[in-house]
Amino acid sequence: MAIRTDRHGLEVLDEDTCWQLLSTHYVGRLAVSIANHPEIFPVNYAVDNRSIVILTGEGTKLAAAVLGAGVAFEIDGADPLFHTGWSVLLRGRAREVETMDELMEVSELPLATWGLMEKRRWVRIEPLTVSGRRIIRLPQSE
């Protein structure tokens, strides 16, 4: 199968590959806009039915979900020795999980608070687009 590249020579990852990478990692970055100012937060997460679920407390992340504004979520990996890496970007809408059925469902995910503060608010990011790129390692010339 031929590798598809973008105009910069990066490999374009298909959506299934992006979800596979998302499902094998557990820390990403959530980008939100509050009062027209960008904010980016590291978050631990779980993949659930091709959506991203985070556990949070009161604050900016939850406010972004309640406002229904667009968000971005990104993970990446890099190998500095071989100068390779990849990135997956998800753009979508965040909303607070509120129904009892959905709360029971997300509470079964392998997701727990990392910090000292107890977090009890679940946010689901439903994707509108999922894309990914990988740096292709060029063969060494002899």
N, C-alpha and C. Protein backbone atom coordinates (compact mmCIF):
# COMPACT_ATOMS: atom_id res chain seq x y z
N MET A 1 0.83 -1.17 0.00
CA MET A 1 0.00 0.00 0.00
C MET A 1 0.89 1.25 0.00
N ALA A 2 0.58 2.18 -0.88
CA ALA A 2 1.36 3.41 -1.00
C ALA A 2 1.09 4.33 0.19
N ILE A 3 2.14 4.99 0.62
CA ILE A 3 2.01 5.96 1.70
C ILE A 3 1.53 7.27 1.10
N ARG A 4 0.48 7.80 1.68
CA ARG A 4 -0.04 9.10 1.24
C ARG A 4 0.65 10.19 2.04
N THR A 5 1.14 11.22 1.35
CA THR A 5 1.84 12.31 2.03
C THR A 5 1.14 13.64 1.76
N ASP A 6 1.39 14.58 2.65
CA ASP A 6 0.85 15.93 2.45
C ASP A 6 1.89 16.77 1.71
N ARG A 7 1.62 18.03 1.53
CA ARG A 7 2.51 18.89 0.75
C ARG A 7 3.85 19.14 1.41
N HIS A 8 3.97 18.77 2.68
CA HIS A 8 5.23 18.93 3.41
C HIS A 8 6.03 17.63 3.48
N GLY A 9 5.51 16.58 2.85
CA GLY A 9 6.20 15.29 2.87
C GLY A 9 5.92 14.45 4.10
N LEU A 10 4.93 14.85 4.90
CA LEU A 10 4.54 14.06 6.08
C LEU A 10 3.53 13.00 5.66
N GLU A 11 3.64 11.82 6.26
CA GLU A 11 2.67 10.77 6.00
C GLU A 11 1.32 11.17 6.58
N VAL A 12 0.26 11.06 5.81
CA VAL A 12 -1.09 11.34 6.29
C VAL A 12 -1.65 10.06 6.87
N LEU A 13 -2.01 10.08 8.14
CA LEU A 13 -2.56 8.90 8.81
C LEU A 13 -4.06 8.81 8.56
N ASP A 14 -4.55 7.61 8.29
CA ASP A 14 -5.99 7.45 8.12
C ASP A 14 -6.68 7.49 9.49
N GLU A 15 -7.98 7.65 9.48
CA GLU A 15 -8.71 7.82 10.74
C GLU A 15 -8.59 6.60 11.66
N ASP A 16 -8.59 5.39 11.10
CA ASP A 16 -8.44 4.20 11.94
C ASP A 16 -7.09 4.19 12.66
N THR A 17 -6.04 4.58 11.97
CA THR A 17 -4.71 4.66 12.59
C THR A 17 -4.70 5.71 13.69
N CYS A 18 -5.35 6.85 13.43
CA CYS A 18 -5.44 7.90 14.46
C CYS A 18 -6.12 7.37 15.71
N TRP A 19 -7.24 6.65 15.57
CA TRP A 19 -7.95 6.12 16.74
C TRP A 19 -7.13 5.04 17.43
N GLN A 20 -6.37 4.27 16.66
CA GLN A 20 -5.51 3.26 17.28
C GLN A 20 -4.47 3.95 18.16
N LEU A 21 -3.85 5.01 17.65
CA LEU A 21 -2.87 5.75 18.45
C LEU A 21 -3.53 6.39 19.66
N LEU A 22 -4.71 6.98 19.48
CA LEU A 22 -5.42 7.58 20.61
C LEU A 22 -5.74 6.54 21.68
N SER A 23 -6.09 5.33 21.27
CA SER A 23 -6.49 4.31 22.24
C SER A 23 -5.32 3.67 22.97
N THR A 24 -4.09 3.91 22.51
CA THR A 24 -2.94 3.31 23.18
C THR A 24 -2.17 4.32 24.03
N HIS A 25 -2.69 5.51 24.17
CA HIS A 25 -2.06 6.53 25.00
C HIS A 25 -3.07 7.00 26.05
N TYR A 26 -2.62 7.79 26.99
CA TYR A 26 -3.51 8.19 28.08
C TYR A 26 -3.35 9.64 28.52
N VAL A 27 -2.39 10.37 27.93
CA VAL A 27 -2.24 11.78 28.25
C VAL A 27 -2.23 12.57 26.95
N GLY A 28 -3.02 13.64 26.92
CA GLY A 28 -3.08 14.50 25.75
C GLY A 28 -3.20 15.94 26.18
N ARG A 29 -3.43 16.81 25.20
CA ARG A 29 -3.61 18.22 25.49
C ARG A 29 -4.96 18.67 24.97
N LEU A 30 -5.70 19.35 25.82
CA LEU A 30 -7.00 19.89 25.47
C LEU A 30 -6.86 21.39 25.26
N ALA A 31 -7.27 21.85 24.08
CA ALA A 31 -7.21 23.29 23.76
C ALA A 31 -8.64 23.83 23.74
N VAL A 32 -8.85 24.91 24.48
CA VAL A 32 -10.16 25.56 24.56
C VAL A 32 -9.97 27.06 24.38
N SER A 33 -11.07 27.73 24.13
CA SER A 33 -11.03 29.19 24.03
C SER A 33 -12.02 29.74 25.05
N ILE A 34 -11.52 30.57 25.94
CA ILE A 34 -12.35 31.22 26.96
C ILE A 34 -12.18 32.72 26.78
N ALA A 35 -13.28 33.41 26.53
CA ALA A 35 -13.26 34.86 26.31
C ALA A 35 -12.24 35.25 25.24
N ASN A 36 -12.23 34.48 24.16
CA ASN A 36 -11.34 34.72 23.01
C ASN A 36 -9.86 34.58 23.33
N HIS A 37 -9.53 33.85 24.39
CA HIS A 37 -8.14 33.57 24.73
C HIS A 37 -7.92 32.07 24.72
N PRO A 38 -6.90 31.60 23.99
CA PRO A 38 -6.65 30.15 23.97
C PRO A 38 -6.04 29.67 25.27
N GLU A 39 -6.45 28.50 25.68
CA GLU A 39 -5.90 27.83 26.86
C GLU A 39 -5.64 26.38 26.46
N ILE A 40 -4.51 25.83 26.90
CA ILE A 40 -4.16 24.45 26.62
C ILE A 40 -3.83 23.76 27.94
N PHE A 41 -4.44 22.58 28.13
CA PHE A 41 -4.27 21.85 29.38
C PHE A 41 -3.84 20.42 29.11
N PRO A 42 -2.83 19.92 29.83
CA PRO A 42 -2.57 18.48 29.77
C PRO A 42 -3.68 17.76 30.52
N VAL A 43 -4.17 16.68 29.96
CA VAL A 43 -5.25 15.91 30.60
C VAL A 43 -4.99 14.43 30.39
N ASN A 44 -5.40 13.63 31.36
CA ASN A 44 -5.46 12.20 31.11
C ASN A 44 -6.84 11.91 30.54
N TYR A 45 -6.94 10.88 29.73
CA TYR A 45 -8.18 10.64 28.99
C TYR A 45 -8.36 9.15 28.70
N ALA A 46 -9.56 8.84 28.22
CA ALA A 46 -9.86 7.49 27.72
C ALA A 46 -10.65 7.65 26.43
N VAL A 47 -10.49 6.68 25.55
CA VAL A 47 -11.27 6.64 24.32
C VAL A 47 -12.52 5.82 24.59
N ASP A 48 -13.67 6.33 24.16
CA ASP A 48 -14.94 5.63 24.33
C ASP A 48 -15.78 5.82 23.08
N ASN A 49 -15.97 4.76 22.32
CA ASN A 49 -16.80 4.80 21.12
C ASN A 49 -16.44 5.96 20.20
N ARG A 50 -15.16 6.06 19.88
CA ARG A 50 -14.65 7.11 18.99
C ARG A 50 -14.97 8.52 19.49
N SER A 51 -14.87 8.66 20.79
CA SER A 51 -14.90 9.98 21.42
C SER A 51 -13.85 9.96 22.52
N ILE A 52 -13.51 11.14 23.02
CA ILE A 52 -12.53 11.28 24.09
C ILE A 52 -13.28 11.67 25.36
N VAL A 53 -12.95 11.02 26.47
CA VAL A 53 -13.59 11.32 27.75
C VAL A 53 -12.50 11.74 28.73
N ILE A 54 -12.75 12.86 29.42
CA ILE A 54 -11.84 13.30 30.47
C ILE A 54 -12.64 13.47 31.76
N LEU A 55 -11.94 13.37 32.86
CA LEU A 55 -12.50 13.58 34.19
C LEU A 55 -11.89 14.87 34.71
N THR A 56 -12.73 15.82 35.11
CA THR A 56 -12.22 17.12 35.52
C THR A 56 -13.00 17.64 36.72
N GLY A 57 -12.59 18.79 37.19
CA GLY A 57 -13.29 19.48 38.28
C GLY A 57 -13.83 20.80 37.76
N GLU A 58 -14.28 21.63 38.68
CA GLU A 58 -14.76 22.96 38.31
C GLU A 58 -13.60 23.75 37.72
N GLY A 59 -13.88 24.57 36.69
CA GLY A 59 -12.83 25.40 36.14
C GLY A 59 -12.97 25.59 34.64
N THR A 60 -11.87 25.97 34.02
CA THR A 60 -11.87 26.35 32.61
C THR A 60 -12.26 25.21 31.69
N LYS A 61 -11.73 24.00 31.93
CA LYS A 61 -12.06 22.87 31.06
C LYS A 61 -13.56 22.59 31.09
N LEU A 62 -14.11 22.59 32.27
CA LEU A 62 -15.55 22.34 32.39
C LEU A 62 -16.34 23.50 31.79
N ALA A 63 -15.91 24.73 32.01
CA ALA A 63 -16.60 25.89 31.43
C ALA A 63 -16.63 25.80 29.92
N ALA A 64 -15.53 25.37 29.32
CA ALA A 64 -15.49 25.22 27.86
C ALA A 64 -16.51 24.18 27.40
N ALA A 65 -16.66 23.11 28.17
CA ALA A 65 -17.64 22.09 27.82
C ALA A 65 -19.06 22.62 27.93
N VAL A 66 -19.33 23.34 29.00
CA VAL A 66 -20.68 23.87 29.22
C VAL A 66 -21.04 24.91 28.16
N LEU A 67 -20.05 25.70 27.72
CA LEU A 67 -20.31 26.71 26.71
C LEU A 67 -20.56 26.10 25.33
N GLY A 68 -20.18 24.85 25.14
CA GLY A 68 -20.39 24.20 23.86
C GLY A 68 -19.51 24.71 22.75
N ALA A 69 -18.42 25.37 23.12
CA ALA A 69 -17.50 25.92 22.12
C ALA A 69 -16.68 24.79 21.51
N GLY A 70 -16.12 25.06 20.34
CA GLY A 70 -15.24 24.09 19.72
C GLY A 70 -13.98 23.92 20.54
N VAL A 71 -13.46 22.70 20.56
CA VAL A 71 -12.23 22.38 21.26
C VAL A 71 -11.32 21.60 20.32
N ALA A 72 -10.07 21.49 20.70
CA ALA A 72 -9.13 20.63 20.00
C ALA A 72 -8.46 19.75 21.04
N PHE A 73 -8.11 18.55 20.61
CA PHE A 73 -7.43 17.60 21.48
C PHE A 73 -6.28 17.00 20.67
N GLU A 74 -5.09 16.93 21.27
CA GLU A 74 -3.92 16.49 20.53
C GLU A 74 -3.06 15.56 21.36
N ILE A 75 -2.52 14.53 20.71
CA ILE A 75 -1.50 13.68 21.30
C ILE A 75 -0.38 13.55 20.28
N ASP A 76 0.80 13.19 20.77
CA ASP A 76 1.89 12.98 19.83
C ASP A 76 2.92 12.04 20.43
N GLY A 77 3.83 11.63 19.59
CA GLY A 77 4.93 10.78 20.02
C GLY A 77 6.16 11.16 19.21
N ALA A 78 7.33 11.02 19.79
CA ALA A 78 8.56 11.40 19.08
C ALA A 78 9.68 10.46 19.48
N ASP A 79 10.56 10.22 18.53
CA ASP A 79 11.79 9.47 18.78
C ASP A 79 12.95 10.37 18.37
N PRO A 80 13.55 11.07 19.34
CA PRO A 80 14.60 12.02 19.00
C PRO A 80 15.86 11.36 18.42
N LEU A 81 16.08 10.09 18.73
CA LEU A 81 17.24 9.39 18.20
C LEU A 81 17.14 9.23 16.68
N PHE A 82 15.94 8.85 16.20
CA PHE A 82 15.75 8.61 14.78
C PHE A 82 15.06 9.76 14.05
N HIS A 83 14.78 10.83 14.77
CA HIS A 83 14.14 12.02 14.19
C HIS A 83 12.81 11.67 13.52
N THR A 84 12.02 10.87 14.21
CA THR A 84 10.70 10.51 13.72
C THR A 84 9.67 10.90 14.76
N GLY A 85 8.44 10.94 14.35
CA GLY A 85 7.37 11.25 15.29
C GLY A 85 6.04 11.28 14.58
N TRP A 86 5.01 11.50 15.34
CA TRP A 86 3.66 11.53 14.81
C TRP A 86 2.81 12.44 15.68
N SER A 87 1.68 12.83 15.16
CA SER A 87 0.74 13.68 15.88
C SER A 87 -0.67 13.35 15.43
N VAL A 88 -1.61 13.34 16.36
CA VAL A 88 -3.03 13.16 16.07
C VAL A 88 -3.77 14.36 16.63
N LEU A 89 -4.63 14.95 15.80
CA LEU A 89 -5.41 16.12 16.19
C LEU A 89 -6.89 15.83 15.99
N LEU A 90 -7.65 16.05 17.04
CA LEU A 90 -9.10 15.88 16.99
C LEU A 90 -9.73 17.24 17.23
N ARG A 91 -10.65 17.63 16.38
CA ARG A 91 -11.40 18.88 16.57
C ARG A 91 -12.86 18.51 16.75
N GLY A 92 -13.53 19.15 17.71
CA GLY A 92 -14.92 18.80 17.94
C GLY A 92 -15.58 19.69 18.97
N ARG A 93 -16.60 19.14 19.56
CA ARG A 93 -17.37 19.83 20.60
C ARG A 93 -17.25 19.06 21.89
N ALA A 94 -17.15 19.80 22.98
CA ALA A 94 -17.10 19.18 24.31
C ALA A 94 -18.43 19.44 25.00
N ARG A 95 -18.86 18.44 25.76
CA ARG A 95 -20.08 18.59 26.54
C ARG A 95 -19.92 17.81 27.84
N GLU A 96 -20.59 18.28 28.85
CA GLU A 96 -20.55 17.57 30.12
C GLU A 96 -21.46 16.35 30.04
N VAL A 97 -21.00 15.25 30.57
CA VAL A 97 -21.80 14.03 30.66
C VAL A 97 -22.75 14.20 31.83
N GLU A 98 -24.06 14.07 31.57
CA GLU A 98 -25.03 14.36 32.63
C GLU A 98 -26.07 13.27 32.86
N THR A 99 -26.40 12.48 31.84
CA THR A 99 -27.46 11.48 32.05
C THR A 99 -26.92 10.33 32.89
N MET A 100 -27.79 9.72 33.66
CA MET A 100 -27.39 8.63 34.54
C MET A 100 -26.81 7.47 33.75
N ASP A 101 -27.43 7.11 32.63
CA ASP A 101 -26.92 6.00 31.81
C ASP A 101 -25.51 6.28 31.33
N GLU A 102 -25.28 7.49 30.83
CA GLU A 102 -23.96 7.83 30.32
C GLU A 102 -22.94 7.95 31.45
N LEU A 103 -23.36 8.48 32.60
CA LEU A 103 -22.46 8.57 33.74
C LEU A 103 -22.03 7.17 34.21
N MET A 104 -22.95 6.23 34.20
CA MET A 104 -22.61 4.86 34.58
C MET A 104 -21.63 4.26 33.56
N GLU A 105 -21.84 4.57 32.29
CA GLU A 105 -20.96 4.07 31.23
C GLU A 105 -19.54 4.61 31.37
N VAL A 106 -19.40 5.94 31.52
CA VAL A 106 -18.05 6.52 31.59
C VAL A 106 -17.34 6.19 32.90
N SER A 107 -18.09 5.93 33.96
CA SER A 107 -17.45 5.60 35.24
C SER A 107 -16.73 4.25 35.17
N GLU A 108 -17.04 3.43 34.16
CA GLU A 108 -16.37 2.14 33.97
C GLU A 108 -15.07 2.27 33.17
N LEU A 109 -14.80 3.45 32.61
CA LEU A 109 -13.59 3.65 31.82
C LEU A 109 -12.37 3.65 32.72
N PRO A 110 -11.20 3.25 32.19
CA PRO A 110 -9.97 3.25 33.00
C PRO A 110 -9.41 4.67 33.13
N LEU A 111 -10.09 5.48 33.93
CA LEU A 111 -9.77 6.89 34.05
C LEU A 111 -9.93 7.30 35.50
N ALA A 112 -8.89 7.90 36.06
CA ALA A 112 -8.93 8.33 37.46
C ALA A 112 -8.21 9.66 37.60
N THR A 113 -8.52 10.37 38.65
CA THR A 113 -7.87 11.63 38.96
C THR A 113 -6.40 11.39 39.27
N TRP A 114 -5.53 12.21 38.70
CA TRP A 114 -4.10 12.10 38.99
C TRP A 114 -3.67 13.02 40.12
N GLY A 115 -4.26 14.18 40.20
CA GLY A 115 -3.84 15.18 41.19
C GLY A 115 -4.42 14.90 42.56
N LEU A 116 -4.19 15.85 43.45
CA LEU A 116 -4.67 15.72 44.81
C LEU A 116 -6.15 16.02 44.93
N MET A 117 -6.65 16.88 44.04
CA MET A 117 -8.05 17.29 44.12
C MET A 117 -8.97 16.23 43.51
N GLU A 118 -10.02 15.89 44.19
CA GLU A 118 -11.02 14.96 43.68
C GLU A 118 -11.76 15.61 42.51
N LYS A 119 -11.87 14.90 41.41
CA LYS A 119 -12.57 15.41 40.23
C LYS A 119 -13.77 14.52 39.96
N ARG A 120 -14.91 15.16 39.78
CA ARG A 120 -16.15 14.39 39.64
C ARG A 120 -16.98 14.76 38.43
N ARG A 121 -16.44 15.56 37.52
CA ARG A 121 -17.21 16.00 36.35
C ARG A 121 -16.61 15.37 35.10
N TRP A 122 -17.44 14.70 34.34
CA TRP A 122 -17.01 14.01 33.13
C TRP A 122 -17.32 14.87 31.92
N VAL A 123 -16.36 14.96 31.00
CA VAL A 123 -16.53 15.71 29.77
C VAL A 123 -16.26 14.76 28.60
N ARG A 124 -17.16 14.80 27.63
CA ARG A 124 -16.98 14.00 26.42
C ARG A 124 -16.70 14.95 25.25
N ILE A 125 -15.64 14.64 24.51
CA ILE A 125 -15.31 15.40 23.30
C ILE A 125 -15.76 14.56 22.11
N GLU A 126 -16.74 15.08 21.40
CA GLU A 126 -17.26 14.39 20.23
C GLU A 126 -16.61 15.00 18.98
N PRO A 127 -15.88 14.19 18.22
CA PRO A 127 -15.09 14.73 17.12
C PRO A 127 -15.92 15.15 15.92
N LEU A 128 -15.50 16.24 15.31
CA LEU A 128 -15.99 16.62 13.99
C LEU A 128 -14.96 16.19 12.95
N THR A 129 -13.68 16.32 13.29
CA THR A 129 -12.61 15.85 12.41
C THR A 129 -11.53 15.18 13.25
N VAL A 130 -10.89 14.18 12.66
CA VAL A 130 -9.75 13.50 13.27
C VAL A 130 -8.70 13.38 12.18
N SER A 131 -7.49 13.86 12.46
CA SER A 131 -6.43 13.80 11.46
C SER A 131 -5.11 13.49 12.15
N GLY A 132 -4.17 13.00 11.37
CA GLY A 132 -2.87 12.69 11.93
C GLY A 132 -1.79 12.75 10.87
N ARG A 133 -0.58 12.98 11.32
CA ARG A 133 0.59 13.04 10.45
C ARG A 133 1.74 12.30 11.13
N ARG A 134 2.62 11.74 10.29
CA ARG A 134 3.80 11.07 10.81
C ARG A 134 5.01 11.54 10.00
N ILE A 135 6.10 11.81 10.71
CA ILE A 135 7.35 12.15 10.03
C ILE A 135 7.94 10.85 9.51
N ILE A 136 8.19 10.82 8.22
CA ILE A 136 8.74 9.65 7.58
C ILE A 136 10.26 9.71 7.68
N ARG A 137 10.85 8.62 8.09
CA ARG A 137 12.32 8.56 8.19
C ARG A 137 12.89 8.33 6.80
N LEU A 138 13.72 9.23 6.38
CA LEU A 138 14.35 9.13 5.07
C LEU A 138 15.49 8.14 5.13
N PRO A 139 15.65 7.35 4.07
CA PRO A 139 16.78 6.42 4.05
C PRO A 139 18.11 7.19 4.10
N GLN A 140 19.06 6.66 4.81
CA GLN A 140 20.38 7.29 4.92
C GLN A 140 21.15 7.09 3.62
N SER A 141 21.74 8.14 3.11
CA SER A 141 22.55 8.02 1.90
C SER A 141 23.94 7.49 2.29
N GLU A 142 24.49 6.72 1.40
CA GLU A 142 25.79 6.11 1.71
C GLU A 142 26.92 6.89 1.10
